[in-house]
């Protein structure tokens, strides 16, 4: 997979998405941004929900080690978060396996 973040210049926040995840899942927009700068970051295309534009999902962690599942798209070199919530049990298992795989000697 090519580096989808190669030309990214920031995040797209507006009235439509800046508070949506806080109201629904108690996830702040700054927490959403943080996961993109912490390792490991697991990214995959979300083909099931990509009718009009390519959507991706990310499994990552915040600065306070909160593990989040985020659905996002890229518009004009900006990451636009569509949805953010805490990882479920299966997602945490996948994420923790990735951490273990990356730390084995």
C-alpha atoms as a PDB file:
ATOM      1  CA  UNK A   1       0.000   0.000   0.000  1.00  0.00           C
ATOM      2  CA  UNK A   2       1.361   3.415  -0.908  1.00  0.00           C
ATOM      3  CA  UNK A   3       1.893   5.922   1.857  1.00  0.00           C
ATOM      4  CA  UNK A   4      -1.492   7.623   2.070  1.00  0.00           C
ATOM      5  CA  UNK A   5      -0.020  10.288   4.352  1.00  0.00           C
ATOM      6  CA  UNK A   6       2.681  11.374   1.891  1.00  0.00           C
ATOM      7  CA  UNK A   7       1.045  14.703   0.983  1.00  0.00           C
ATOM      8  CA  UNK A   8      -0.997  15.324   4.144  1.00  0.00           C
ATOM      9  CA  UNK A   9      -0.724  18.859   5.518  1.00  0.00           C
ATOM     10  CA  UNK A  10      -3.078  18.671   8.501  1.00  0.00           C
ATOM     11  CA  UNK A  11      -6.604  17.941   9.636  1.00  0.00           C
ATOM     12  CA  UNK A  12      -9.995  19.200   8.473  1.00  0.00           C
ATOM     13  CA  UNK A  13     -12.205  20.241  11.386  1.00  0.00           C
ATOM     14  CA  UNK A  14     -15.426  22.212  11.040  1.00  0.00           C
ATOM     15  CA  UNK A  15     -18.824  22.533  12.711  1.00  0.00           C
ATOM     16  CA  UNK A  16     -19.844  19.211  11.189  1.00  0.00           C
ATOM     17  CA  UNK A  17     -17.159  17.075  12.784  1.00  0.00           C
ATOM     18  CA  UNK A  18     -15.208  18.857  15.542  1.00  0.00           C
ATOM     19  CA  UNK A  19     -17.592  18.003  18.402  1.00  0.00           C
ATOM     20  CA  UNK A  20     -19.453  15.021  16.916  1.00  0.00           C
ATOM     21  CA  UNK A  21     -17.156  12.367  18.398  1.00  0.00           C
ATOM     22  CA  UNK A  22     -17.092  14.053  21.790  1.00  0.00           C
ATOM     23  CA  UNK A  23     -20.880  14.104  21.966  1.00  0.00           C
ATOM     24  CA  UNK A  24     -21.271  10.518  20.775  1.00  0.00           C
ATOM     25  CA  UNK A  25     -18.202   8.710  22.202  1.00  0.00           C
ATOM     26  CA  UNK A  26     -16.410  11.221  24.495  1.00  0.00           C
ATOM     27  CA  UNK A  27     -13.406  11.448  22.133  1.00  0.00           C
ATOM     28  CA  UNK A  28     -11.841  14.903  21.738  1.00  0.00           C
ATOM     29  CA  UNK A  29     -10.643  16.041  18.305  1.00  0.00           C
ATOM     30  CA  UNK A  30      -7.103  16.463  19.675  1.00  0.00           C
ATOM     31  CA  UNK A  31      -7.128  12.779  20.719  1.00  0.00           C
ATOM     32  CA  UNK A  32      -8.069  11.861  17.151  1.00  0.00           C
ATOM     33  CA  UNK A  33      -5.072  13.779  15.836  1.00  0.00           C
ATOM     34  CA  UNK A  34      -2.672  12.228  18.338  1.00  0.00           C
ATOM     35  CA  UNK A  35      -3.089   8.654  17.125  1.00  0.00           C
ATOM     36  CA  UNK A  36      -1.633   9.566  13.726  1.00  0.00           C
ATOM     37  CA  UNK A  37       1.674  10.484  15.411  1.00  0.00           C
ATOM     38  CA  UNK A  38       2.053   7.444  17.689  1.00  0.00           C
ATOM     39  CA  UNK A  39       3.230   3.937  16.888  1.00  0.00           C
ATOM     40  CA  UNK A  40       2.015   1.458  16.157  1.00  0.00           C
ATOM     41  CA  UNK A  41      -0.618   2.852  13.844  1.00  0.00           C
ATOM     42  CA  UNK A  42      -2.638   0.295  11.913  1.00  0.00           C
ATOM     43  CA  UNK A  43      -4.333   1.599   8.763  1.00  0.00           C
ATOM     44  CA  UNK A  44      -6.610  -0.266   6.364  1.00  0.00           C
ATOM     45  CA  UNK A  45      -9.054   0.738   3.664  1.00  0.00           C
ATOM     46  CA  UNK A  46     -12.673   0.633   4.788  1.00  0.00           C
ATOM     47  CA  UNK A  47     -14.054  -0.598   1.454  1.00  0.00           C
ATOM     48  CA  UNK A  48     -17.368  -1.674   2.998  1.00  0.00           C
ATOM     49  CA  UNK A  49     -18.301   1.970   3.695  1.00  0.00           C
ATOM     50  CA  UNK A  50     -16.575   3.698   0.755  1.00  0.00           C
ATOM     51  CA  UNK A  51     -19.361   4.566  -1.681  1.00  0.00           C
ATOM     52  CA  UNK A  52     -18.482   8.152  -2.669  1.00  0.00           C
ATOM     53  CA  UNK A  53     -14.901   8.518  -1.453  1.00  0.00           C
ATOM     54  CA  UNK A  54     -12.181   6.267  -0.121  1.00  0.00           C
ATOM     55  CA  UNK A  55     -12.498   5.762   3.610  1.00  0.00           C
ATOM     56  CA  UNK A  56      -9.879   4.323   5.887  1.00  0.00           C
ATOM     57  CA  UNK A  57      -9.866   3.070   9.428  1.00  0.00           C
ATOM     58  CA  UNK A  58      -7.065   3.443  11.921  1.00  0.00           C
ATOM     59  CA  UNK A  59      -6.219   1.682  15.150  1.00  0.00           C
ATOM     60  CA  UNK A  60      -3.943   3.818  17.288  1.00  0.00           C
ATOM     61  CA  UNK A  61      -3.247   5.289  20.680  1.00  0.00           C
ATOM     62  CA  UNK A  62      -3.318   8.760  22.172  1.00  0.00           C
ATOM     63  CA  UNK A  63      -0.598  10.398  24.276  1.00  0.00           C
ATOM     64  CA  UNK A  64      -2.375   9.019  27.369  1.00  0.00           C
ATOM     65  CA  UNK A  65      -2.461   5.517  25.808  1.00  0.00           C
ATOM     66  CA  UNK A  66      -6.180   5.582  25.041  1.00  0.00           C
ATOM     67  CA  UNK A  67      -6.699   3.092  22.228  1.00  0.00           C
ATOM     68  CA  UNK A  68      -8.986   4.456  19.512  1.00  0.00           C
ATOM     69  CA  UNK A  69     -10.692   3.210  16.353  1.00  0.00           C
ATOM     70  CA  UNK A  70     -11.040   6.027  13.821  1.00  0.00           C
ATOM     71  CA  UNK A  71     -12.705   6.165  10.416  1.00  0.00           C
ATOM     72  CA  UNK A  72     -11.345   8.917   8.199  1.00  0.00           C
ATOM     73  CA  UNK A  73     -11.048  10.136   4.658  1.00  0.00           C
ATOM     74  CA  UNK A  74      -8.583  12.429   2.936  1.00  0.00           C
ATOM     75  CA  UNK A  75      -9.825  15.616   1.301  1.00  0.00           C
ATOM     76  CA  UNK A  76      -7.463  18.094  -0.350  1.00  0.00           C
ATOM     77  CA  UNK A  77      -4.413  16.784   1.575  1.00  0.00           C
ATOM     78  CA  UNK A  78      -6.236  16.955   4.920  1.00  0.00           C
ATOM     79  CA  UNK A  79      -7.335  14.097   7.168  1.00  0.00           C
ATOM     80  CA  UNK A  80     -11.058  14.396   7.910  1.00  0.00           C
ATOM     81  CA  UNK A  81     -12.179  12.261  10.833  1.00  0.00           C
ATOM     82  CA  UNK A  82     -15.610  10.780  10.232  1.00  0.00           C
ATOM     83  CA  UNK A  83     -15.957   8.719  13.395  1.00  0.00           C
ATOM     84  CA  UNK A  84     -13.873   7.995  16.493  1.00  0.00           C
ATOM     85  CA  UNK A  85     -14.465   5.693  19.439  1.00  0.00           C
ATOM     86  CA  UNK A  86     -12.627   3.439  21.867  1.00  0.00           C
ATOM     87  CA  UNK A  87     -11.428   0.171  20.336  1.00  0.00           C
ATOM     88  CA  UNK A  88     -13.626  -2.842  20.961  1.00  0.00           C
ATOM     89  CA  UNK A  89     -12.228  -6.104  22.353  1.00  0.00           C
ATOM     90  CA  UNK A  90     -11.369  -7.591  18.943  1.00  0.00           C
ATOM     91  CA  UNK A  91      -9.677  -4.369  17.782  1.00  0.00           C
ATOM     92  CA  UNK A  92      -7.638  -4.141  21.008  1.00  0.00           C
ATOM     93  CA  UNK A  93      -6.499  -7.746  20.513  1.00  0.00           C
ATOM     94  CA  UNK A  94      -5.386  -6.965  16.947  1.00  0.00           C
ATOM     95  CA  UNK A  95      -3.615  -3.815  18.095  1.00  0.00           C
ATOM     96  CA  UNK A  96      -1.872  -5.558  21.000  1.00  0.00           C
ATOM     97  CA  UNK A  97      -0.728  -8.361  18.673  1.00  0.00           C
ATOM     98  CA  UNK A  98       0.821  -5.720  16.425  1.00  0.00           C
ATOM     99  CA  UNK A  99       2.628  -4.181  19.410  1.00  0.00           C
ATOM    100  CA  UNK A 100       3.911  -7.610  20.451  1.00  0.00           C
ATOM    101  CA  UNK A 101       5.047  -8.417  16.908  1.00  0.00           C
ATOM    102  CA  UNK A 102       6.973  -5.124  16.688  1.00  0.00           C
ATOM    103  CA  UNK A 103       8.714  -5.569  20.046  1.00  0.00           C
ATOM    104  CA  UNK A 104       9.846  -9.183  19.667  1.00  0.00           C
ATOM    105  CA  UNK A 105      13.591  -9.578  19.330  1.00  0.00           C
END
